[in-house]
Amino acid sequence: MLSLFIPIFYLRSSESGFGPKARRVPICVYVVAWALVQGGTFLVFNNLDLSWLWNLSTIGRDVVFAIIMYCQVTLALVLSLLGGKNTEV
C-alpha cells in the first residue's frame, strides 16, 4: 500500500511535476497504472520459481522486495506520464 499512497500524496502537491516542462500526472491515471503494474507483478511472480528468494536471510528478502517496490512505483509513474493527459504546472 505504500507504493500506492506515498506517490499519491506527492502527486497531490501543487509543486509536483515531471520533466523539464514539469508535467503533472492525474491521480486517477496513476491509480490505474499502479493497478496494472501490480497485476503484472502478480502474474510474473506466479509463473516464476522463487524458491531461492525464501532461502535468503530476512534482510536479503527485505532488500529484494524494496527494489521490486521501487521498480513498480517507477514503472507506474512512467506509464502515468505516457498514458494520461498531462498538464504543466
PDB file of N, CA and C in Angstrom:
ATOM      1  N   MET A   1       0.819  -1.190   0.000  1.00  0.00           N
ATOM      2  CA  MET A   1       0.000   0.000   0.000  1.00  0.00           C
ATOM      3  C   MET A   1       0.870   1.265   0.000  1.00  0.00           C
ATOM      4  N   LEU A   2       2.091   1.159   0.504  1.00  0.00           N
ATOM      5  CA  LEU A   2       2.985   2.320   0.452  1.00  0.00           C
ATOM      6  C   LEU A   2       3.246   2.749  -0.977  1.00  0.00           C
ATOM      7  N   SER A   3       3.363   1.772  -1.885  1.00  0.00           N
ATOM      8  CA  SER A   3       3.643   2.102  -3.276  1.00  0.00           C
ATOM      9  C   SER A   3       2.459   2.790  -3.947  1.00  0.00           C
ATOM     10  N   LEU A   4       1.303   2.768  -3.315  1.00  0.00           N
ATOM     11  CA  LEU A   4       0.139   3.483  -3.827  1.00  0.00           C
ATOM     12  C   LEU A   4      -0.001   4.854  -3.169  1.00  0.00           C
ATOM     13  N   PHE A   5       0.055   4.890  -1.834  1.00  0.00           N
ATOM     14  CA  PHE A   5      -0.285   6.123  -1.133  1.00  0.00           C
ATOM     15  C   PHE A   5       0.823   7.175  -1.105  1.00  0.00           C
ATOM     16  N   ILE A   6       2.063   6.785  -0.984  1.00  0.00           N
ATOM     17  CA  ILE A   6       3.140   7.782  -0.948  1.00  0.00           C
ATOM     18  C   ILE A   6       3.190   8.573  -2.254  1.00  0.00           C
ATOM     19  N   PRO A   7       3.173   7.907  -3.426  1.00  0.00           N
ATOM     20  CA  PRO A   7       3.142   8.701  -4.667  1.00  0.00           C
ATOM     21  C   PRO A   7       1.875   9.558  -4.805  1.00  0.00           C
ATOM     22  N   ILE A   8       0.736   9.064  -4.313  1.00  0.00           N
ATOM     23  CA  ILE A   8      -0.484   9.877  -4.385  1.00  0.00           C
ATOM     24  C   ILE A   8      -0.318  11.156  -3.577  1.00  0.00           C
ATOM     25  N   PHE A   9       0.270  11.055  -2.393  1.00  0.00           N
ATOM     26  CA  PHE A   9       0.496  12.268  -1.595  1.00  0.00           C
ATOM     27  C   PHE A   9       1.428  13.233  -2.322  1.00  0.00           C
ATOM     28  N   TYR A  10       2.423  12.696  -3.021  1.00  0.00           N
ATOM     29  CA  TYR A  10       3.316  13.560  -3.802  1.00  0.00           C
ATOM     30  C   TYR A  10       2.558  14.192  -4.969  1.00  0.00           C
ATOM     31  N   LEU A  11       1.761  13.392  -5.676  1.00  0.00           N
ATOM     32  CA  LEU A  11       1.037  13.909  -6.838  1.00  0.00           C
ATOM     33  C   LEU A  11       0.015  14.968  -6.449  1.00  0.00           C
ATOM     34  N   ARG A  12      -0.482  14.924  -5.226  1.00  0.00           N
ATOM     35  CA  ARG A  12      -1.439  15.931  -4.760  1.00  0.00           C
ATOM     36  C   ARG A  12      -0.780  17.267  -4.470  1.00  0.00           C
ATOM     37  N   SER A  13       0.537  17.271  -4.302  1.00  0.00           N
ATOM     38  CA  SER A  13       1.252  18.502  -4.017  1.00  0.00           C
ATOM     39  C   SER A  13       1.189  19.441  -5.217  1.00  0.00           C
ATOM     40  N   SER A  14       1.048  20.718  -4.952  1.00  0.00           N
ATOM     41  CA  SER A  14       0.994  21.699  -6.042  1.00  0.00           C
ATOM     42  C   SER A  14       2.346  21.856  -6.730  1.00  0.00           C
ATOM     43  N   GLU A  15       3.400  21.384  -6.099  1.00  0.00           N
ATOM     44  CA  GLU A  15       4.740  21.521  -6.664  1.00  0.00           C
ATOM     45  C   GLU A  15       5.215  20.279  -7.401  1.00  0.00           C
ATOM     46  N   SER A  16       4.365  19.247  -7.485  1.00  0.00           N
ATOM     47  CA  SER A  16       4.799  18.016  -8.153  1.00  0.00           C
ATOM     48  C   SER A  16       4.769  18.209  -9.661  1.00  0.00           C
ATOM     49  N   GLY A  17       5.845  17.804 -10.297  1.00  0.00           N
ATOM     50  CA  GLY A  17       5.933  17.891 -11.739  1.00  0.00           C
ATOM     51  C   GLY A  17       7.076  17.030 -12.229  1.00  0.00           C
ATOM     52  N   PHE A  18       6.970  16.556 -13.466  1.00  0.00           N
ATOM     53  CA  PHE A  18       7.978  15.661 -14.021  1.00  0.00           C
ATOM     54  C   PHE A  18       8.522  16.239 -15.318  1.00  0.00           C
ATOM     55  N   GLY A  19       9.831  16.135 -15.467  1.00  0.00           N
ATOM     56  CA  GLY A  19      10.478  16.566 -16.702  1.00  0.00           C
ATOM     57  C   GLY A  19      10.712  18.062 -16.754  1.00  0.00           C
ATOM     58  N   PRO A  20      11.349  18.520 -17.837  1.00  0.00           N
ATOM     59  CA  PRO A  20      11.676  19.945 -17.962  1.00  0.00           C
ATOM     60  C   PRO A  20      10.437  20.839 -18.012  1.00  0.00           C
ATOM     61  N   LYS A  21       9.313  20.278 -18.473  1.00  0.00           N
ATOM     62  CA  LYS A  21       8.080  21.068 -18.544  1.00  0.00           C
ATOM     63  C   LYS A  21       7.233  20.926 -17.285  1.00  0.00           C
ATOM     64  N   ALA A  22       7.725  20.180 -16.312  1.00  0.00           N
ATOM     65  CA  ALA A  22       7.035  19.956 -15.031  1.00  0.00           C
ATOM     66  C   ALA A  22       5.595  19.486 -15.262  1.00  0.00           C
ATOM     67  N   ARG A  23       5.452  18.393 -16.017  1.00  0.00           N
ATOM     68  CA  ARG A  23       4.121  17.867 -16.308  1.00  0.00           C
ATOM     69  C   ARG A  23       3.527  17.196 -15.075  1.00  0.00           C
ATOM     70  N   ARG A  24       2.240  17.428 -14.878  1.00  0.00           N
ATOM     71  CA  ARG A  24       1.514  16.835 -13.758  1.00  0.00           C
ATOM     72  C   ARG A  24       0.862  15.535 -14.192  1.00  0.00           C
ATOM     73  N   VAL A  25       0.719  14.615 -13.256  1.00  0.00           N
ATOM     74  CA  VAL A  25       0.063  13.327 -13.501  1.00  0.00           C
ATOM     75  C   VAL A  25      -1.239  13.307 -12.712  1.00  0.00           C
ATOM     76  N   PRO A  26      -2.370  13.081 -13.388  1.00  0.00           N
ATOM     77  CA  PRO A  26      -3.638  12.949 -12.646  1.00  0.00           C
ATOM     78  C   PRO A  26      -3.606  11.717 -11.738  1.00  0.00           C
ATOM     79  N   ILE A  27      -4.158  11.845 -10.553  1.00  0.00           N
ATOM     80  CA  ILE A  27      -4.130  10.761  -9.571  1.00  0.00           C
ATOM     81  C   ILE A  27      -4.874   9.533 -10.089  1.00  0.00           C
ATOM     82  N   CYS A  28      -6.002   9.733 -10.752  1.00  0.00           N
ATOM     83  CA  CYS A  28      -6.762   8.576 -11.246  1.00  0.00           C
ATOM     84  C   CYS A  28      -5.957   7.794 -12.291  1.00  0.00           C
ATOM     85  N   VAL A  29      -5.155   8.469 -13.091  1.00  0.00           N
ATOM     86  CA  VAL A  29      -4.317   7.786 -14.075  1.00  0.00           C
ATOM     87  C   VAL A  29      -3.231   6.991 -13.357  1.00  0.00           C
ATOM     88  N   TYR A  30      -2.663   7.570 -12.288  1.00  0.00           N
ATOM     89  CA  TYR A  30      -1.650   6.835 -11.526  1.00  0.00           C
ATOM     90  C   TYR A  30      -2.250   5.588 -10.885  1.00  0.00           C
ATOM     91  N   VAL A  31      -3.450   5.684 -10.339  1.00  0.00           N
ATOM     92  CA  VAL A  31      -4.082   4.534  -9.687  1.00  0.00           C
ATOM     93  C   VAL A  31      -4.307   3.405 -10.696  1.00  0.00           C
ATOM     94  N   VAL A  32      -4.754   3.747 -11.900  1.00  0.00           N
ATOM     95  CA  VAL A  32      -4.946   2.726 -12.940  1.00  0.00           C
ATOM     96  C   VAL A  32      -3.600   2.101 -13.322  1.00  0.00           C
ATOM     97  N   ALA A  33      -2.576   2.933 -13.509  1.00  0.00           N
ATOM     98  CA  ALA A  33      -1.239   2.421 -13.853  1.00  0.00           C
ATOM     99  C   ALA A  33      -0.702   1.544 -12.730  1.00  0.00           C
ATOM    100  N   TRP A  34      -0.905   1.956 -11.486  1.00  0.00           N
ATOM    101  CA  TRP A  34      -0.451   1.173 -10.331  1.00  0.00           C
ATOM    102  C   TRP A  34      -1.131  -0.193 -10.324  1.00  0.00           C
ATOM    103  N   ALA A  35      -2.451  -0.223 -10.578  1.00  0.00           N
ATOM    104  CA  ALA A  35      -3.188  -1.497 -10.586  1.00  0.00           C
ATOM    105  C   ALA A  35      -2.675  -2.405 -11.704  1.00  0.00           C
ATOM    106  N   LEU A  36      -2.393  -1.837 -12.864  1.00  0.00           N
ATOM    107  CA  LEU A  36      -1.849  -2.643 -13.966  1.00  0.00           C
ATOM    108  C   LEU A  36      -0.482  -3.226 -13.609  1.00  0.00           C
ATOM    109  N   VAL A  37       0.370  -2.417 -12.995  1.00  0.00           N
ATOM    110  CA  VAL A  37       1.706  -2.890 -12.599  1.00  0.00           C
ATOM    111  C   VAL A  37       1.593  -3.972 -11.531  1.00  0.00           C
ATOM    112  N   GLN A  38       0.703  -3.789 -10.568  1.00  0.00           N
ATOM    113  CA  GLN A  38       0.520  -4.799  -9.520  1.00  0.00           C
ATOM    114  C   GLN A  38       0.015  -6.110 -10.117  1.00  0.00           C
ATOM    115  N   GLY A  39      -0.929  -6.020 -11.052  1.00  0.00           N
ATOM    116  CA  GLY A  39      -1.433  -7.216 -11.710  1.00  0.00           C
ATOM    117  C   GLY A  39      -0.343  -7.917 -12.506  1.00  0.00           C
ATOM    118  N   GLY A  40       0.465  -7.138 -13.206  1.00  0.00           N
ATOM    119  CA  GLY A  40       1.574  -7.721 -13.959  1.00  0.00           C
ATOM    120  C   GLY A  40       2.599  -8.375 -13.051  1.00  0.00           C
ATOM    121  N   THR A  41       2.890  -7.742 -11.944  1.00  0.00           N
ATOM    122  CA  THR A  41       3.834  -8.323 -10.975  1.00  0.00           C
ATOM    123  C   THR A  41       3.286  -9.636 -10.425  1.00  0.00           C
ATOM    124  N   PHE A  42       2.004  -9.664 -10.125  1.00  0.00           N
ATOM    125  CA  PHE A  42       1.370 -10.885  -9.619  1.00  0.00           C
ATOM    126  C   PHE A  42       1.504 -12.024 -10.625  1.00  0.00           C
ATOM    127  N   LEU A  43       1.233 -11.723 -11.908  1.00  0.00           N
ATOM    128  CA  LEU A  43       1.344 -12.755 -12.942  1.00  0.00           C
ATOM    129  C   LEU A  43       2.775 -13.255 -13.088  1.00  0.00           C
ATOM    130  N   VAL A  44       3.736 -12.342 -13.038  1.00  0.00           N
ATOM    131  CA  VAL A  44       5.148 -12.730 -13.156  1.00  0.00           C
ATOM    132  C   VAL A  44       5.557 -13.596 -11.968  1.00  0.00           C
ATOM    133  N   PHE A  45       5.193 -13.176 -10.764  1.00  0.00           N
ATOM    134  CA  PHE A  45       5.582 -13.929  -9.573  1.00  0.00           C
ATOM    135  C   PHE A  45       4.942 -15.311  -9.540  1.00  0.00           C
ATOM    136  N   ASN A  46       3.728 -15.434 -10.067  1.00  0.00           N
ATOM    137  CA  ASN A  46       3.069 -16.746 -10.079  1.00  0.00           C
ATOM    138  C   ASN A  46       3.679 -17.703 -11.082  1.00  0.00           C
ATOM    139  N   ASN A  47       4.376 -17.181 -12.074  1.00  0.00           N
ATOM    140  CA  ASN A  47       4.937 -18.032 -13.118  1.00  0.00           C
ATOM    141  C   ASN A  47       6.443 -18.248 -12.990  1.00  0.00           C
ATOM    142  N   LEU A  48       7.043 -17.758 -11.933  1.00  0.00           N
ATOM    143  CA  LEU A  48       8.479 -17.939 -11.708  1.00  0.00           C
ATOM    144  C   LEU A  48       8.716 -18.846 -10.508  1.00  0.00           C
ATOM    145  N   ASP A  49       9.829 -19.528 -10.524  1.00  0.00           N
ATOM    146  CA  ASP A  49      10.242 -20.324  -9.371  1.00  0.00           C
ATOM    147  C   ASP A  49      11.076 -19.428  -8.465  1.00  0.00           C
ATOM    148  N   LEU A  50      10.474 -18.975  -7.374  1.00  0.00           N
ATOM    149  CA  LEU A  50      11.140 -18.038  -6.475  1.00  0.00           C
ATOM    150  C   LEU A  50      11.581 -18.706  -5.171  1.00  0.00           C
ATOM    151  N   SER A  51      11.808 -20.006  -5.221  1.00  0.00           N
ATOM    152  CA  SER A  51      12.215 -20.711  -4.005  1.00  0.00           C
ATOM    153  C   SER A  51      13.550 -20.179  -3.477  1.00  0.00           C
ATOM    154  N   TRP A  52      14.413 -19.713  -4.374  1.00  0.00           N
ATOM    155  CA  TRP A  52      15.706 -19.156  -3.943  1.00  0.00           C
ATOM    156  C   TRP A  52      15.511 -17.931  -3.059  1.00  0.00           C
ATOM    157  N   LEU A  53      14.415 -17.180  -3.302  1.00  0.00           N
ATOM    158  CA  LEU A  53      14.169 -15.959  -2.532  1.00  0.00           C
ATOM    159  C   LEU A  53      13.940 -16.274  -1.060  1.00  0.00           C
ATOM    160  N   TRP A  54      13.256 -17.381  -0.784  1.00  0.00           N
ATOM    161  CA  TRP A  54      12.951 -17.731   0.600  1.00  0.00           C
ATOM    162  C   TRP A  54      14.166 -18.317   1.317  1.00  0.00           C
ATOM    163  N   ASN A  55      15.207 -18.635   0.578  1.00  0.00           N
ATOM    164  CA  ASN A  55      16.446 -19.106   1.200  1.00  0.00           C
ATOM    165  C   ASN A  55      17.348 -17.963   1.633  1.00  0.00           C
ATOM    166  N   LEU A  56      17.007 -16.731   1.244  1.00  0.00           N
ATOM    167  CA  LEU A  56      17.793 -15.567   1.668  1.00  0.00           C
ATOM    168  C   LEU A  56      17.510 -15.251   3.134  1.00  0.00           C
ATOM    169  N   SER A  57      18.392 -14.509   3.731  1.00  0.00           N
ATOM    170  CA  SER A  57      18.130 -14.043   5.097  1.00  0.00           C
ATOM    171  C   SER A  57      16.992 -13.022   5.062  1.00  0.00           C
ATOM    172  N   THR A  58      16.484 -12.682   6.217  1.00  0.00           N
ATOM    173  CA  THR A  58      15.379 -11.725   6.294  1.00  0.00           C
ATOM    174  C   THR A  58      15.771 -10.397   5.670  1.00  0.00           C
ATOM    175  N   ILE A  59      16.953  -9.904   5.970  1.00  0.00           N
ATOM    176  CA  ILE A  59      17.395  -8.626   5.410  1.00  0.00           C
ATOM    177  C   ILE A  59      17.558  -8.733   3.898  1.00  0.00           C
ATOM    178  N   GLY A  60      17.989  -9.883   3.419  1.00  0.00           N
ATOM    179  CA  GLY A  60      18.122 -10.093   1.979  1.00  0.00           C
ATOM    180  C   GLY A  60      16.778 -10.017   1.271  1.00  0.00           C
ATOM    181  N   ARG A  61      15.769 -10.663   1.860  1.00  0.00           N
ATOM    182  CA  ARG A  61      14.419 -10.596   1.281  1.00  0.00           C
ATOM    183  C   ARG A  61      13.884  -9.181   1.321  1.00  0.00           C
ATOM    184  N   ASP A  62      14.124  -8.478   2.428  1.00  0.00           N
ATOM    185  CA  ASP A  62      13.664  -7.090   2.539  1.00  0.00           C
ATOM    186  C   ASP A  62      14.277  -6.213   1.452  1.00  0.00           C
ATOM    187  N   VAL A  63      15.557  -6.395   1.192  1.00  0.00           N
ATOM    188  CA  VAL A  63      16.232  -5.612   0.158  1.00  0.00           C
ATOM    189  C   VAL A  63      15.644  -5.937  -1.218  1.00  0.00           C
ATOM    190  N   VAL A  64      15.447  -7.219  -1.496  1.00  0.00           N
ATOM    191  CA  VAL A  64      14.863  -7.618  -2.785  1.00  0.00           C
ATOM    192  C   VAL A  64      13.467  -7.028  -2.947  1.00  0.00           C
ATOM    193  N   PHE A  65      12.637  -7.113  -1.926  1.00  0.00           N
ATOM    194  CA  PHE A  65      11.282  -6.582  -2.033  1.00  0.00           C
ATOM    195  C   PHE A  65      11.278  -5.056  -2.135  1.00  0.00           C
ATOM    196  N   ALA A  66      12.197  -4.364  -1.474  1.00  0.00           N
ATOM    197  CA  ALA A  66      12.296  -2.904  -1.598  1.00  0.00           C
ATOM    198  C   ALA A  66      12.682  -2.514  -3.020  1.00  0.00           C
ATOM    199  N   ILE A  67      13.597  -3.254  -3.616  1.00  0.00           N
ATOM    200  CA  ILE A  67      14.000  -2.974  -5.002  1.00  0.00           C
ATOM    201  C   ILE A  67      12.825  -3.212  -5.950  1.00  0.00           C
ATOM    202  N   ILE A  68      12.091  -4.286  -5.730  1.00  0.00           N
ATOM    203  CA  ILE A  68      10.929  -4.580  -6.570  1.00  0.00           C
ATOM    204  C   ILE A  68       9.882  -3.476  -6.431  1.00  0.00           C
ATOM    205  N   MET A  69       9.628  -3.019  -5.200  1.00  0.00           N
ATOM    206  CA  MET A  69       8.640  -1.962  -4.993  1.00  0.00           C
ATOM    207  C   MET A  69       9.089  -0.666  -5.662  1.00  0.00           C
ATOM    208  N   TYR A  70      10.376  -0.343  -5.586  1.00  0.00           N
ATOM    209  CA  TYR A  70      10.896   0.853  -6.251  1.00  0.00           C
ATOM    210  C   TYR A  70      10.664   0.755  -7.758  1.00  0.00           C
ATOM    211  N   CYS A  71      10.926  -0.402  -8.329  1.00  0.00           N
ATOM    212  CA  CYS A  71      10.717  -0.608  -9.766  1.00  0.00           C
ATOM    213  C   CYS A  71       9.236  -0.494 -10.125  1.00  0.00           C
ATOM    214  N   GLN A  72       8.372  -1.007  -9.269  1.00  0.00           N
ATOM    215  CA  GLN A  72       6.933  -0.915  -9.518  1.00  0.00           C
ATOM    216  C   GLN A  72       6.459   0.539  -9.527  1.00  0.00           C
ATOM    217  N   VAL A  73       6.888   1.317  -8.543  1.00  0.00           N
ATOM    218  CA  VAL A  73       6.485   2.724  -8.470  1.00  0.00           C
ATOM    219  C   VAL A  73       7.013   3.484  -9.681  1.00  0.00           C
ATOM    220  N   THR A  74       8.274   3.230 -10.042  1.00  0.00           N
ATOM    221  CA  THR A  74       8.858   3.906 -11.203  1.00  0.00           C
ATOM    222  C   THR A  74       8.081   3.571 -12.470  1.00  0.00           C
ATOM    223  N   LEU A  75       7.782   2.299 -12.676  1.00  0.00           N
ATOM    224  CA  LEU A  75       7.047   1.878 -13.864  1.00  0.00           C
ATOM    225  C   LEU A  75       5.643   2.479 -13.877  1.00  0.00           C
ATOM    226  N   ALA A  76       4.971   2.515 -12.734  1.00  0.00           N
ATOM    227  CA  ALA A  76       3.624   3.096 -12.670  1.00  0.00           C
ATOM    228  C   ALA A  76       3.656   4.591 -12.992  1.00  0.00           C
ATOM    229  N   LEU A  77       4.665   5.302 -12.504  1.00  0.00           N
ATOM    230  CA  LEU A  77       4.771   6.730 -12.810  1.00  0.00           C
ATOM    231  C   LEU A  77       5.085   6.963 -14.284  1.00  0.00           C
ATOM    232  N   VAL A  78       5.947   6.144 -14.858  1.00  0.00           N
ATOM    233  CA  VAL A  78       6.258   6.274 -16.289  1.00  0.00           C
ATOM    234  C   VAL A  78       5.013   5.994 -17.122  1.00  0.00           C
ATOM    235  N   LEU A  79       4.282   4.935 -16.789  1.00  0.00           N
ATOM    236  CA  LEU A  79       3.038   4.640 -17.506  1.00  0.00           C
ATOM    237  C   LEU A  79       2.031   5.774 -17.357  1.00  0.00           C
ATOM    238  N   SER A  80       1.984   6.378 -16.185  1.00  0.00           N
ATOM    239  CA  SER A  80       1.074   7.504 -15.955  1.00  0.00           C
ATOM    240  C   SER A  80       1.445   8.693 -16.830  1.00  0.00           C
ATOM    241  N   LEU A  81       2.732   8.947 -16.954  1.00  0.00           N
ATOM    242  CA  LEU A  81       3.175  10.058 -17.795  1.00  0.00           C
ATOM    243  C   LEU A  81       2.864   9.793 -19.265  1.00  0.00           C
ATOM    244  N   LEU A  82       3.026   8.549 -19.691  1.00  0.00           N
ATOM    245  CA  LEU A  82       2.795   8.202 -21.086  1.00  0.00           C
ATOM    246  C   LEU A  82       1.321   8.069 -21.415  1.00  0.00           C
ATOM    247  N   GLY A  83       0.530   7.633 -20.447  1.00  0.00           N
ATOM    248  CA  GLY A  83      -0.846   7.273 -20.744  1.00  0.00           C
ATOM    249  C   GLY A  83      -1.896   8.306 -20.376  1.00  0.00           C
ATOM    250  N   GLY A  84      -1.533   9.317 -19.655  1.00  0.00           N
ATOM    251  CA  GLY A  84      -2.542  10.265 -19.213  1.00  0.00           C
ATOM    252  C   GLY A  84      -2.461  11.594 -19.916  1.00  0.00           C
ATOM    253  N   LYS A  85      -3.493  12.390 -19.743  1.00  0.00           N
ATOM    254  CA  LYS A  85      -3.485  13.756 -20.258  1.00  0.00           C
ATOM    255  C   LYS A  85      -2.761  14.602 -19.211  1.00  0.00           C
ATOM    256  N   ASN A  86      -1.507  14.899 -19.495  1.00  0.00           N
ATOM    257  CA  ASN A  86      -0.682  15.607 -18.526  1.00  0.00           C
ATOM    258  C   ASN A  86      -0.781  17.105 -18.749  1.00  0.00           C
ATOM    259  N   THR A  87      -0.852  17.822 -17.657  1.00  0.00           N
ATOM    260  CA  THR A  87      -0.868  19.291 -17.728  1.00  0.00           C
ATOM    261  C   THR A  87       0.427  19.822 -17.153  1.00  0.00           C
ATOM    262  N   GLU A  88       0.787  21.020 -17.526  1.00  0.00           N
ATOM    263  CA  GLU A  88       2.001  21.628 -16.983  1.00  0.00           C
ATOM    264  C   GLU A  88       1.658  22.373 -15.710  1.00  0.00           C
ATOM    265  N   VAL A  89       2.642  22.434 -14.800  1.00  0.00           N
ATOM    266  CA  VAL A  89       2.449  23.117 -13.513  1.00  0.00           C
ATOM    267  C   VAL A  89       2.357  24.598 -13.744  1.00  0.00           C
TER     268      VAL A  89
END
